[in-house]
């Protein structure tokens, strides 16, 4: 187990991009600022992608102009093509991300090209970004399973991860995009990937469709992975997986890390405030089991304290009346 872990918050981007209702820019900015105050060192803020494909993130430029950027905190953005990179650079972004699928079927269905062709496209983005001194992170989507072809061979995911790392991505996040992974399939995929990419350059990105995300993350930790992607309040989902419940919740990840005594530097109470805020703003239940439990306990404690205070006030009123 690593002694410390970086929790890479993806809620403002991966979490919000699939929300059905329009989300105001000020809500996104407030959420990002609250996450900054909670102590995150990496907050994926938005995506510079055509509003035609991802309308929820069509205000990327405005978000980056208004968000409070704290020293020592990275606010990476997704840039799927050169046009996106141009927009990100114009907005002063100093870290971007690209993603390639490990599944040929997924790549062909969603970006109309083979995996190899997609890597060539992304290499141009990576090269241009690094030339500007901008750090690039890579994602491998469908690293254990695909909605079209089913299981993905570990070697296929490892090859894409190695290609992204080789072209200059400082870190590669291996993503269980549709949340079908188990500890066994996660371990097989990571074993194959670790033969080509060092653990220090790897992260995991787990969705919780089948409730396996926390177990999968525990397996990754045991294999030396020390960067975990997560989403506040379990925001997110996958349009390709019916019934998907979204990304693993940040609060659940923090609870897991605390249980192991692994340092992460995040203030859970501040995360809970952000979790309450965005759940209320979206008008949806909180997707984090840990958040629901802690918030319920907090409500019970506040109710008990209020009851005790009321009882004490009543007692003082009686005593004052007797004294009078």
C-alpha atoms as a PDB file:
ATOM      1  CA  UNK A   1       0.000   0.000   0.000  1.00  0.00           C
ATOM      2  CA  UNK A   2       1.244   3.514  -0.734  1.00  0.00           C
ATOM      3  CA  UNK A   3       1.724   5.751   2.310  1.00  0.00           C
ATOM      4  CA  UNK A   4       0.023   8.663   0.559  1.00  0.00           C
ATOM      5  CA  UNK A   5      -2.391   9.010  -2.355  1.00  0.00           C
ATOM      6  CA  UNK A   6      -3.387  11.815  -4.703  1.00  0.00           C
ATOM      7  CA  UNK A   7      -7.149  12.024  -5.145  1.00  0.00           C
ATOM      8  CA  UNK A   8      -7.784  13.422  -8.624  1.00  0.00           C
ATOM      9  CA  UNK A   9     -11.211  15.075  -8.595  1.00  0.00           C
ATOM     10  CA  UNK A  10     -13.154  14.693 -11.855  1.00  0.00           C
ATOM     11  CA  UNK A  11     -16.631  15.777 -10.747  1.00  0.00           C
ATOM     12  CA  UNK A  12     -16.770  19.181 -12.484  1.00  0.00           C
ATOM     13  CA  UNK A  13     -15.930  17.576 -15.844  1.00  0.00           C
ATOM     14  CA  UNK A  14     -16.677  13.861 -16.012  1.00  0.00           C
ATOM     15  CA  UNK A  15     -19.342  14.182 -13.338  1.00  0.00           C
ATOM     16  CA  UNK A  16     -21.369  17.021 -14.834  1.00  0.00           C
ATOM     17  CA  UNK A  17     -21.042  16.296 -18.544  1.00  0.00           C
ATOM     18  CA  UNK A  18     -23.875  13.734 -18.571  1.00  0.00           C
ATOM     19  CA  UNK A  19     -26.365  15.654 -16.436  1.00  0.00           C
ATOM     20  CA  UNK A  20     -29.697  15.964 -18.297  1.00  0.00           C
ATOM     21  CA  UNK A  21     -30.546  19.447 -17.015  1.00  0.00           C
ATOM     22  CA  UNK A  22     -28.706  22.641 -17.926  1.00  0.00           C
ATOM     23  CA  UNK A  23     -26.231  23.729 -15.239  1.00  0.00           C
ATOM     24  CA  UNK A  24     -25.423  27.401 -14.689  1.00  0.00           C
ATOM     25  CA  UNK A  25     -21.809  28.489 -15.026  1.00  0.00           C
ATOM     26  CA  UNK A  26     -21.817  30.024 -11.552  1.00  0.00           C
ATOM     27  CA  UNK A  27     -22.794  26.648 -10.060  1.00  0.00           C
ATOM     28  CA  UNK A  28     -19.805  24.989 -11.738  1.00  0.00           C
ATOM     29  CA  UNK A  29     -17.454  27.754 -10.617  1.00  0.00           C
ATOM     30  CA  UNK A  30     -18.723  27.583  -7.038  1.00  0.00           C
ATOM     31  CA  UNK A  31     -18.270  23.807  -6.982  1.00  0.00           C
ATOM     32  CA  UNK A  32     -14.688  24.035  -8.252  1.00  0.00           C
ATOM     33  CA  UNK A  33     -13.863  26.734  -5.695  1.00  0.00           C
ATOM     34  CA  UNK A  34     -15.317  24.616  -2.892  1.00  0.00           C
ATOM     35  CA  UNK A  35     -13.217  21.654  -4.020  1.00  0.00           C
ATOM     36  CA  UNK A  36     -10.148  23.882  -4.050  1.00  0.00           C
ATOM     37  CA  UNK A  37     -10.893  24.860  -0.452  1.00  0.00           C
ATOM     38  CA  UNK A  38     -11.207  21.164   0.450  1.00  0.00           C
ATOM     39  CA  UNK A  39      -7.542  20.619  -0.378  1.00  0.00           C
ATOM     40  CA  UNK A  40      -7.521  18.877  -3.764  1.00  0.00           C
ATOM     41  CA  UNK A  41      -4.359  19.388  -5.791  1.00  0.00           C
ATOM     42  CA  UNK A  42      -5.924  18.305  -9.101  1.00  0.00           C
ATOM     43  CA  UNK A  43      -9.474  19.254 -10.126  1.00  0.00           C
ATOM     44  CA  UNK A  44     -10.558  18.415 -13.663  1.00  0.00           C
ATOM     45  CA  UNK A  45     -12.503  21.564 -14.397  1.00  0.00           C
ATOM     46  CA  UNK A  46     -14.162  21.172 -17.797  1.00  0.00           C
ATOM     47  CA  UNK A  47     -13.707  20.049 -21.399  1.00  0.00           C
ATOM     48  CA  UNK A  48     -12.932  22.091 -24.496  1.00  0.00           C
ATOM     49  CA  UNK A  49     -15.137  20.098 -26.802  1.00  0.00           C
ATOM     50  CA  UNK A  50     -17.825  21.124 -29.266  1.00  0.00           C
ATOM     51  CA  UNK A  51     -21.088  22.094 -27.485  1.00  0.00           C
ATOM     52  CA  UNK A  52     -22.808  20.051 -30.165  1.00  0.00           C
ATOM     53  CA  UNK A  53     -21.442  16.865 -28.582  1.00  0.00           C
ATOM     54  CA  UNK A  54     -21.251  17.900 -24.910  1.00  0.00           C
ATOM     55  CA  UNK A  55     -23.667  20.813 -24.376  1.00  0.00           C
ATOM     56  CA  UNK A  56     -23.218  20.799 -20.598  1.00  0.00           C
ATOM     57  CA  UNK A  57     -19.601  21.912 -20.990  1.00  0.00           C
ATOM     58  CA  UNK A  58     -20.172  24.499 -23.694  1.00  0.00           C
ATOM     59  CA  UNK A  59     -19.204  27.240 -21.222  1.00  0.00           C
ATOM     60  CA  UNK A  60     -15.639  25.964 -20.742  1.00  0.00           C
ATOM     61  CA  UNK A  61     -14.079  29.318 -21.579  1.00  0.00           C
ATOM     62  CA  UNK A  62     -16.287  31.168 -19.079  1.00  0.00           C
ATOM     63  CA  UNK A  63     -15.662  28.585 -16.357  1.00  0.00           C
ATOM     64  CA  UNK A  64     -11.892  28.882 -16.695  1.00  0.00           C
ATOM     65  CA  UNK A  65     -12.105  32.677 -16.754  1.00  0.00           C
ATOM     66  CA  UNK A  66     -14.109  32.826 -13.524  1.00  0.00           C
ATOM     67  CA  UNK A  67     -12.724  29.994 -11.400  1.00  0.00           C
ATOM     68  CA  UNK A  68     -10.347  30.929  -8.575  1.00  0.00           C
ATOM     69  CA  UNK A  69      -7.031  29.240  -9.324  1.00  0.00           C
ATOM     70  CA  UNK A  70      -5.087  28.536  -6.138  1.00  0.00           C
ATOM     71  CA  UNK A  71      -1.294  28.208  -6.059  1.00  0.00           C
ATOM     72  CA  UNK A  72      -0.151  24.594  -6.203  1.00  0.00           C
ATOM     73  CA  UNK A  73      -3.459  23.344  -7.620  1.00  0.00           C
ATOM     74  CA  UNK A  74      -3.869  22.055 -11.159  1.00  0.00           C
ATOM     75  CA  UNK A  75      -7.125  22.598 -13.073  1.00  0.00           C
ATOM     76  CA  UNK A  76      -6.752  20.208 -16.042  1.00  0.00           C
ATOM     77  CA  UNK A  77      -9.229  20.218 -18.916  1.00  0.00           C
ATOM     78  CA  UNK A  78     -10.077  17.604 -21.508  1.00  0.00           C
ATOM     79  CA  UNK A  79      -8.914  18.456 -25.046  1.00  0.00           C
ATOM     80  CA  UNK A  80      -9.967  15.740 -27.509  1.00  0.00           C
ATOM     81  CA  UNK A  81      -8.500  17.492 -30.564  1.00  0.00           C
ATOM     82  CA  UNK A  82      -6.336  20.390 -31.755  1.00  0.00           C
ATOM     83  CA  UNK A  83      -9.269  22.797 -31.715  1.00  0.00           C
ATOM     84  CA  UNK A  84      -9.888  21.952 -28.068  1.00  0.00           C
ATOM     85  CA  UNK A  85      -6.219  22.443 -27.247  1.00  0.00           C
ATOM     86  CA  UNK A  86      -6.257  25.868 -28.909  1.00  0.00           C
ATOM     87  CA  UNK A  87      -9.211  26.888 -26.733  1.00  0.00           C
ATOM     88  CA  UNK A  88      -7.552  25.568 -23.600  1.00  0.00           C
ATOM     89  CA  UNK A  89      -4.294  27.389 -24.283  1.00  0.00           C
ATOM     90  CA  UNK A  90      -6.176  30.630 -24.931  1.00  0.00           C
ATOM     91  CA  UNK A  91      -7.865  30.209 -21.524  1.00  0.00           C
ATOM     92  CA  UNK A  92      -4.527  29.857 -19.742  1.00  0.00           C
ATOM     93  CA  UNK A  93      -4.803  26.139 -18.982  1.00  0.00           C
ATOM     94  CA  UNK A  94      -1.522  24.549 -17.931  1.00  0.00           C
ATOM     95  CA  UNK A  95      -2.632  20.913 -17.946  1.00  0.00           C
ATOM     96  CA  UNK A  96      -4.789  19.078 -20.475  1.00  0.00           C
ATOM     97  CA  UNK A  97      -5.977  15.513 -20.938  1.00  0.00           C
ATOM     98  CA  UNK A  98      -6.546  13.231 -23.924  1.00  0.00           C
ATOM     99  CA  UNK A  99      -8.240   9.853 -24.047  1.00  0.00           C
ATOM    100  CA  UNK A 100      -8.046   6.778 -26.247  1.00  0.00           C
ATOM    101  CA  UNK A 101     -10.130   3.621 -26.066  1.00  0.00           C
ATOM    102  CA  UNK A 102      -8.651   0.171 -25.496  1.00  0.00           C
ATOM    103  CA  UNK A 103     -11.560  -1.280 -27.489  1.00  0.00           C
ATOM    104  CA  UNK A 104     -11.572  -1.209 -31.284  1.00  0.00           C
ATOM    105  CA  UNK A 105     -15.377  -1.412 -31.300  1.00  0.00           C
ATOM    106  CA  UNK A 106     -15.715   1.552 -28.946  1.00  0.00           C
ATOM    107  CA  UNK A 107     -13.232   3.643 -30.905  1.00  0.00           C
ATOM    108  CA  UNK A 108     -14.946   2.977 -34.225  1.00  0.00           C
ATOM    109  CA  UNK A 109     -18.450   3.586 -32.875  1.00  0.00           C
ATOM    110  CA  UNK A 110     -17.608   6.824 -31.067  1.00  0.00           C
ATOM    111  CA  UNK A 111     -14.857   8.588 -32.998  1.00  0.00           C
ATOM    112  CA  UNK A 112     -15.059   6.669 -36.268  1.00  0.00           C
ATOM    113  CA  UNK A 113     -11.474   5.438 -36.379  1.00  0.00           C
ATOM    114  CA  UNK A 114      -9.311   2.565 -35.195  1.00  0.00           C
ATOM    115  CA  UNK A 115      -7.396   2.660 -31.920  1.00  0.00           C
ATOM    116  CA  UNK A 116      -4.146   3.128 -33.832  1.00  0.00           C
ATOM    117  CA  UNK A 117      -5.597   6.009 -35.819  1.00  0.00           C
ATOM    118  CA  UNK A 118      -6.893   7.657 -32.654  1.00  0.00           C
ATOM    119  CA  UNK A 119      -3.450   7.465 -31.062  1.00  0.00           C
ATOM    120  CA  UNK A 120      -1.935   9.249 -34.042  1.00  0.00           C
ATOM    121  CA  UNK A 121      -4.502  12.028 -33.654  1.00  0.00           C
ATOM    122  CA  UNK A 122      -3.778  12.398 -29.964  1.00  0.00           C
ATOM    123  CA  UNK A 123      -0.028  12.361 -30.489  1.00  0.00           C
ATOM    124  CA  UNK A 124      -0.361  15.619 -32.419  1.00  0.00           C
ATOM    125  CA  UNK A 125      -2.268  17.162 -29.499  1.00  0.00           C
ATOM    126  CA  UNK A 126       0.278  15.910 -26.960  1.00  0.00           C
ATOM    127  CA  UNK A 127       3.214  17.176 -28.995  1.00  0.00           C
ATOM    128  CA  UNK A 128       1.658  20.616 -29.466  1.00  0.00           C
ATOM    129  CA  UNK A 129       0.739  20.904 -25.781  1.00  0.00           C
ATOM    130  CA  UNK A 130       4.191  19.917 -24.549  1.00  0.00           C
ATOM    131  CA  UNK A 131       5.762  22.373 -26.964  1.00  0.00           C
ATOM    132  CA  UNK A 132       3.837  25.072 -25.074  1.00  0.00           C
ATOM    133  CA  UNK A 133       5.064  23.722 -21.739  1.00  0.00           C
ATOM    134  CA  UNK A 134       1.635  22.289 -20.884  1.00  0.00           C
ATOM    135  CA  UNK A 135       1.446  18.967 -19.025  1.00  0.00           C
ATOM    136  CA  UNK A 136      -0.649  16.218 -20.601  1.00  0.00           C
ATOM    137  CA  UNK A 137      -2.506  13.408 -18.873  1.00  0.00           C
ATOM    138  CA  UNK A 138      -3.830  10.402 -20.761  1.00  0.00           C
ATOM    139  CA  UNK A 139      -6.923   8.273 -20.242  1.00  0.00           C
ATOM    140  CA  UNK A 140      -7.443   4.724 -21.462  1.00  0.00           C
ATOM    141  CA  UNK A 141     -11.212   4.232 -21.682  1.00  0.00           C
ATOM    142  CA  UNK A 142     -12.831   0.793 -21.615  1.00  0.00           C
ATOM    143  CA  UNK A 143      -9.709  -0.630 -19.985  1.00  0.00           C
ATOM    144  CA  UNK A 144     -11.510  -3.735 -18.725  1.00  0.00           C
ATOM    145  CA  UNK A 145     -14.821  -3.824 -20.599  1.00  0.00           C
ATOM    146  CA  UNK A 146     -16.639  -2.335 -23.573  1.00  0.00           C
ATOM    147  CA  UNK A 147     -20.404  -1.853 -24.118  1.00  0.00           C
ATOM    148  CA  UNK A 148     -20.040  -3.194 -27.674  1.00  0.00           C
ATOM    149  CA  UNK A 149     -17.470  -5.975 -27.602  1.00  0.00           C
ATOM    150  CA  UNK A 150     -17.660  -7.075 -23.960  1.00  0.00           C
ATOM    151  CA  UNK A 151     -14.439  -7.946 -22.144  1.00  0.00           C
ATOM    152  CA  UNK A 152     -11.255  -6.167 -23.205  1.00  0.00           C
ATOM    153  CA  UNK A 153      -7.984  -8.080 -23.176  1.00  0.00           C
ATOM    154  CA  UNK A 154      -5.551  -6.744 -20.535  1.00  0.00           C
ATOM    155  CA  UNK A 155      -2.783  -6.599 -23.134  1.00  0.00           C
ATOM    156  CA  UNK A 156      -4.914  -4.334 -25.352  1.00  0.00           C
ATOM    157  CA  UNK A 157      -5.445  -1.851 -22.516  1.00  0.00           C
ATOM    158  CA  UNK A 158      -1.764  -2.048 -21.567  1.00  0.00           C
ATOM    159  CA  UNK A 159      -0.686  -1.315 -25.135  1.00  0.00           C
ATOM    160  CA  UNK A 160      -2.781   1.871 -25.289  1.00  0.00           C
ATOM    161  CA  UNK A 161      -1.529   2.960 -21.885  1.00  0.00           C
ATOM    162  CA  UNK A 162       2.052   2.421 -22.963  1.00  0.00           C
ATOM    163  CA  UNK A 163       1.462   4.338 -26.206  1.00  0.00           C
ATOM    164  CA  UNK A 164       0.061   7.371 -24.321  1.00  0.00           C
ATOM    165  CA  UNK A 165       2.912   7.287 -21.837  1.00  0.00           C
ATOM    166  CA  UNK A 166       5.431   6.906 -24.638  1.00  0.00           C
ATOM    167  CA  UNK A 167       4.145   9.946 -26.525  1.00  0.00           C
ATOM    168  CA  UNK A 168       4.617  12.144 -23.477  1.00  0.00           C
ATOM    169  CA  UNK A 169       1.664  11.819 -21.089  1.00  0.00           C
ATOM    170  CA  UNK A 170       3.118  12.262 -17.616  1.00  0.00           C
ATOM    171  CA  UNK A 171       0.371  10.065 -16.189  1.00  0.00           C
ATOM    172  CA  UNK A 172      -2.087   7.580 -17.641  1.00  0.00           C
ATOM    173  CA  UNK A 173      -5.416   6.840 -15.967  1.00  0.00           C
ATOM    174  CA  UNK A 174      -6.743   3.359 -16.680  1.00  0.00           C
ATOM    175  CA  UNK A 175     -10.523   3.736 -16.796  1.00  0.00           C
ATOM    176  CA  UNK A 176     -13.251   1.189 -16.192  1.00  0.00           C
ATOM    177  CA  UNK A 177     -15.592   3.400 -18.203  1.00  0.00           C
ATOM    178  CA  UNK A 178     -18.755   1.324 -17.857  1.00  0.00           C
ATOM    179  CA  UNK A 179     -18.061  -0.021 -14.370  1.00  0.00           C
ATOM    180  CA  UNK A 180     -18.009  -3.738 -15.199  1.00  0.00           C
ATOM    181  CA  UNK A 181     -14.651  -4.485 -13.601  1.00  0.00           C
ATOM    182  CA  UNK A 182     -14.013  -6.702 -10.606  1.00  0.00           C
ATOM    183  CA  UNK A 183     -10.868  -6.917  -8.459  1.00  0.00           C
ATOM    184  CA  UNK A 184      -9.778  -9.879 -10.564  1.00  0.00           C
ATOM    185  CA  UNK A 185     -10.159  -8.141 -13.936  1.00  0.00           C
ATOM    186  CA  UNK A 186      -8.655  -4.931 -12.535  1.00  0.00           C
ATOM    187  CA  UNK A 187      -5.619  -6.833 -11.279  1.00  0.00           C
ATOM    188  CA  UNK A 188      -5.117  -8.596 -14.615  1.00  0.00           C
ATOM    189  CA  UNK A 189      -5.312  -5.317 -16.513  1.00  0.00           C
ATOM    190  CA  UNK A 190      -2.917  -3.555 -14.140  1.00  0.00           C
ATOM    191  CA  UNK A 191      -0.462  -6.463 -14.144  1.00  0.00           C
ATOM    192  CA  UNK A 192      -0.273  -6.244 -17.938  1.00  0.00           C
ATOM    193  CA  UNK A 193       0.056  -2.460 -17.856  1.00  0.00           C
ATOM    194  CA  UNK A 194       2.726  -2.420 -15.139  1.00  0.00           C
ATOM    195  CA  UNK A 195       4.958  -4.496 -17.382  1.00  0.00           C
ATOM    196  CA  UNK A 196       5.113  -1.470 -19.717  1.00  0.00           C
ATOM    197  CA  UNK A 197       4.347   1.606 -17.581  1.00  0.00           C
ATOM    198  CA  UNK A 198       5.703   2.291 -14.059  1.00  0.00           C
ATOM    199  CA  UNK A 199       3.226   2.510 -11.188  1.00  0.00           C
ATOM    200  CA  UNK A 200       4.362   6.090 -10.554  1.00  0.00           C
ATOM    201  CA  UNK A 201       2.874   7.070 -13.939  1.00  0.00           C
ATOM    202  CA  UNK A 202      -0.457   5.276 -13.512  1.00  0.00           C
ATOM    203  CA  UNK A 203      -3.851   6.138 -12.037  1.00  0.00           C
ATOM    204  CA  UNK A 204      -7.187   4.326 -11.940  1.00  0.00           C
ATOM    205  CA  UNK A 205     -10.593   5.711 -12.867  1.00  0.00           C
ATOM    206  CA  UNK A 206     -13.473   3.511 -11.719  1.00  0.00           C
ATOM    207  CA  UNK A 207     -17.187   3.718 -12.324  1.00  0.00           C
ATOM    208  CA  UNK A 208     -19.521   2.044  -9.853  1.00  0.00           C
ATOM    209  CA  UNK A 209     -22.190   0.471 -12.068  1.00  0.00           C
ATOM    210  CA  UNK A 210     -21.970  -2.924 -10.322  1.00  0.00           C
ATOM    211  CA  UNK A 211     -20.850  -1.603  -6.933  1.00  0.00           C
ATOM    212  CA  UNK A 212     -17.292  -2.842  -7.419  1.00  0.00           C
ATOM    213  CA  UNK A 213     -15.446   0.477  -7.634  1.00  0.00           C
ATOM    214  CA  UNK A 214     -14.145   0.622  -4.045  1.00  0.00           C
ATOM    215  CA  UNK A 215     -13.056  -3.025  -4.153  1.00  0.00           C
ATOM    216  CA  UNK A 216     -11.301  -2.375  -7.464  1.00  0.00           C
ATOM    217  CA  UNK A 217      -9.533   0.665  -6.040  1.00  0.00           C
ATOM    218  CA  UNK A 218      -8.376  -1.347  -3.020  1.00  0.00           C
ATOM    219  CA  UNK A 219      -6.852  -3.861  -5.438  1.00  0.00           C
ATOM    220  CA  UNK A 220      -5.113  -1.053  -7.328  1.00  0.00           C
ATOM    221  CA  UNK A 221      -3.706   0.350  -4.083  1.00  0.00           C
ATOM    222  CA  UNK A 222      -2.272  -3.053  -3.201  1.00  0.00           C
ATOM    223  CA  UNK A 223      -0.514  -3.025  -6.577  1.00  0.00           C
ATOM    224  CA  UNK A 224       1.173   0.289  -5.821  1.00  0.00           C
ATOM    225  CA  UNK A 225      -1.136   2.706  -7.640  1.00  0.00           C
ATOM    226  CA  UNK A 226      -1.160   6.014  -5.766  1.00  0.00           C
ATOM    227  CA  UNK A 227      -3.426   8.259  -7.879  1.00  0.00           C
ATOM    228  CA  UNK A 228      -7.189   7.672  -7.705  1.00  0.00           C
ATOM    229  CA  UNK A 229      -9.771   9.470  -9.836  1.00  0.00           C
ATOM    230  CA  UNK A 230     -13.088  10.165  -8.136  1.00  0.00           C
ATOM    231  CA  UNK A 231     -16.132  12.408  -8.359  1.00  0.00           C
ATOM    232  CA  UNK A 232     -17.739  14.345  -5.519  1.00  0.00           C
ATOM    233  CA  UNK A 233     -21.203  12.988  -4.620  1.00  0.00           C
ATOM    234  CA  UNK A 234     -20.655  10.189  -7.157  1.00  0.00           C
ATOM    235  CA  UNK A 235     -21.546  12.556  -9.993  1.00  0.00           C
ATOM    236  CA  UNK A 236     -21.493  11.202 -13.502  1.00  0.00           C
ATOM    237  CA  UNK A 237     -22.575   8.248 -15.504  1.00  0.00           C
ATOM    238  CA  UNK A 238     -21.981   6.573 -18.796  1.00  0.00           C
ATOM    239  CA  UNK A 239     -24.427   6.904 -21.709  1.00  0.00           C
ATOM    240  CA  UNK A 240     -23.306   3.489 -22.951  1.00  0.00           C
ATOM    241  CA  UNK A 241     -24.179   1.539 -19.789  1.00  0.00           C
ATOM    242  CA  UNK A 242     -27.847   1.264 -18.885  1.00  0.00           C
ATOM    243  CA  UNK A 243     -28.337   1.777 -15.157  1.00  0.00           C
ATOM    244  CA  UNK A 244     -24.825   3.120 -14.571  1.00  0.00           C
ATOM    245  CA  UNK A 245     -24.519   4.951 -11.268  1.00  0.00           C
ATOM    246  CA  UNK A 246     -21.612   7.191 -12.180  1.00  0.00           C
ATOM    247  CA  UNK A 247     -18.048   7.607 -11.033  1.00  0.00           C
ATOM    248  CA  UNK A 248     -16.870   6.302  -7.717  1.00  0.00           C
ATOM    249  CA  UNK A 249     -17.715   8.909  -5.071  1.00  0.00           C
ATOM    250  CA  UNK A 250     -14.852  10.956  -3.664  1.00  0.00           C
ATOM    251  CA  UNK A 251     -16.273  10.629  -0.162  1.00  0.00           C
ATOM    252  CA  UNK A 252     -16.241   6.826  -0.435  1.00  0.00           C
ATOM    253  CA  UNK A 253     -12.624   6.869  -1.619  1.00  0.00           C
ATOM    254  CA  UNK A 254     -11.576   9.132   1.255  1.00  0.00           C
ATOM    255  CA  UNK A 255     -13.288   6.812   3.746  1.00  0.00           C
ATOM    256  CA  UNK A 256     -11.390   3.857   2.266  1.00  0.00           C
ATOM    257  CA  UNK A 257      -8.070   5.686   2.467  1.00  0.00           C
ATOM    258  CA  UNK A 258      -8.731   6.798   6.046  1.00  0.00           C
ATOM    259  CA  UNK A 259      -9.440   3.176   6.958  1.00  0.00           C
ATOM    260  CA  UNK A 260      -6.017   2.165   5.698  1.00  0.00           C
ATOM    261  CA  UNK A 261      -4.323   5.158   7.302  1.00  0.00           C
ATOM    262  CA  UNK A 262      -3.218   6.452   3.904  1.00  0.00           C
ATOM    263  CA  UNK A 263      -2.569  10.196   3.749  1.00  0.00           C
ATOM    264  CA  UNK A 264      -4.499  12.227   1.182  1.00  0.00           C
ATOM    265  CA  UNK A 265      -4.601  15.801   2.483  1.00  0.00           C
ATOM    266  CA  UNK A 266      -8.331  16.315   1.815  1.00  0.00           C
ATOM    267  CA  UNK A 267     -10.752  17.820   4.346  1.00  0.00           C
ATOM    268  CA  UNK A 268     -13.742  15.473   4.479  1.00  0.00           C
ATOM    269  CA  UNK A 269     -16.022  18.070   6.069  1.00  0.00           C
ATOM    270  CA  UNK A 270     -15.267  20.510   3.234  1.00  0.00           C
ATOM    271  CA  UNK A 271     -15.953  17.771   0.682  1.00  0.00           C
ATOM    272  CA  UNK A 272     -19.294  17.081   2.367  1.00  0.00           C
ATOM    273  CA  UNK A 273     -20.213  20.755   2.040  1.00  0.00           C
ATOM    274  CA  UNK A 274     -19.374  20.638  -1.663  1.00  0.00           C
ATOM    275  CA  UNK A 275     -21.298  17.384  -1.958  1.00  0.00           C
ATOM    276  CA  UNK A 276     -24.397  18.879  -0.344  1.00  0.00           C
ATOM    277  CA  UNK A 277     -24.114  21.984  -2.485  1.00  0.00           C
ATOM    278  CA  UNK A 278     -23.917  20.296  -5.870  1.00  0.00           C
ATOM    279  CA  UNK A 279     -26.545  17.665  -5.044  1.00  0.00           C
ATOM    280  CA  UNK A 280     -28.930  20.447  -4.053  1.00  0.00           C
ATOM    281  CA  UNK A 281     -28.080  22.541  -7.108  1.00  0.00           C
ATOM    282  CA  UNK A 282     -28.784  19.579  -9.383  1.00  0.00           C
ATOM    283  CA  UNK A 283     -31.904  18.537  -7.472  1.00  0.00           C
ATOM    284  CA  UNK A 284     -30.729  14.947  -7.205  1.00  0.00           C
ATOM    285  CA  UNK A 285     -29.943  12.540  -4.352  1.00  0.00           C
ATOM    286  CA  UNK A 286     -26.362  12.379  -3.166  1.00  0.00           C
ATOM    287  CA  UNK A 287     -24.679   9.434  -4.911  1.00  0.00           C
ATOM    288  CA  UNK A 288     -22.133   8.792  -2.169  1.00  0.00           C
ATOM    289  CA  UNK A 289     -22.971   6.155   0.433  1.00  0.00           C
ATOM    290  CA  UNK A 290     -20.421   7.638   2.817  1.00  0.00           C
ATOM    291  CA  UNK A 291     -21.752  11.164   2.350  1.00  0.00           C
ATOM    292  CA  UNK A 292     -25.309  10.034   3.042  1.00  0.00           C
ATOM    293  CA  UNK A 293     -24.221   8.230   6.205  1.00  0.00           C
ATOM    294  CA  UNK A 294     -22.066  11.079   7.527  1.00  0.00           C
ATOM    295  CA  UNK A 295     -24.627  13.740   6.718  1.00  0.00           C
ATOM    296  CA  UNK A 296     -27.354  11.706   8.417  1.00  0.00           C
ATOM    297  CA  UNK A 297     -25.184  11.294  11.503  1.00  0.00           C
ATOM    298  CA  UNK A 298     -24.452  15.003  11.509  1.00  0.00           C
ATOM    299  CA  UNK A 299     -28.183  15.776  11.297  1.00  0.00           C
ATOM    300  CA  UNK A 300     -28.871  13.437  14.227  1.00  0.00           C
ATOM    301  CA  UNK A 301     -26.153  15.083  16.311  1.00  0.00           C
ATOM    302  CA  UNK A 302     -27.473  18.559  15.503  1.00  0.00           C
ATOM    303  CA  UNK A 303     -31.005  17.473  16.407  1.00  0.00           C
ATOM    304  CA  UNK A 304     -29.812  16.076  19.755  1.00  0.00           C
ATOM    305  CA  UNK A 305     -27.843  19.246  20.480  1.00  0.00           C
ATOM    306  CA  UNK A 306     -30.862  21.403  19.641  1.00  0.00           C
ATOM    307  CA  UNK A 307     -33.087  19.277  21.874  1.00  0.00           C
ATOM    308  CA  UNK A 308     -30.600  19.497  24.743  1.00  0.00           C
ATOM    309  CA  UNK A 309     -30.301  23.260  24.291  1.00  0.00           C
ATOM    310  CA  UNK A 310     -34.074  23.635  24.288  1.00  0.00           C
ATOM    311  CA  UNK A 311     -34.328  21.540  27.460  1.00  0.00           C
ATOM    312  CA  UNK A 312     -31.664  23.656  29.132  1.00  0.00           C
ATOM    313  CA  UNK A 313     -33.440  26.881  28.102  1.00  0.00           C
ATOM    314  CA  UNK A 314     -36.704  25.530  29.482  1.00  0.00           C
ATOM    315  CA  UNK A 315     -34.998  24.648  32.762  1.00  0.00           C
ATOM    316  CA  UNK A 316     -33.508  28.112  33.066  1.00  0.00           C
ATOM    317  CA  UNK A 317     -36.896  29.684  32.352  1.00  0.00           C
ATOM    318  CA  UNK A 318     -38.485  27.632  35.135  1.00  0.00           C
ATOM    319  CA  UNK A 319     -35.708  28.532  37.542  1.00  0.00           C
ATOM    320  CA  UNK A 320     -36.090  32.208  36.699  1.00  0.00           C
ATOM    321  CA  UNK A 321     -39.841  32.016  37.256  1.00  0.00           C
ATOM    322  CA  UNK A 322     -39.392  30.351  40.658  1.00  0.00           C
ATOM    323  CA  UNK A 323     -36.788  32.944  41.658  1.00  0.00           C
ATOM    324  CA  UNK A 324     -39.174  35.733  40.680  1.00  0.00           C
END
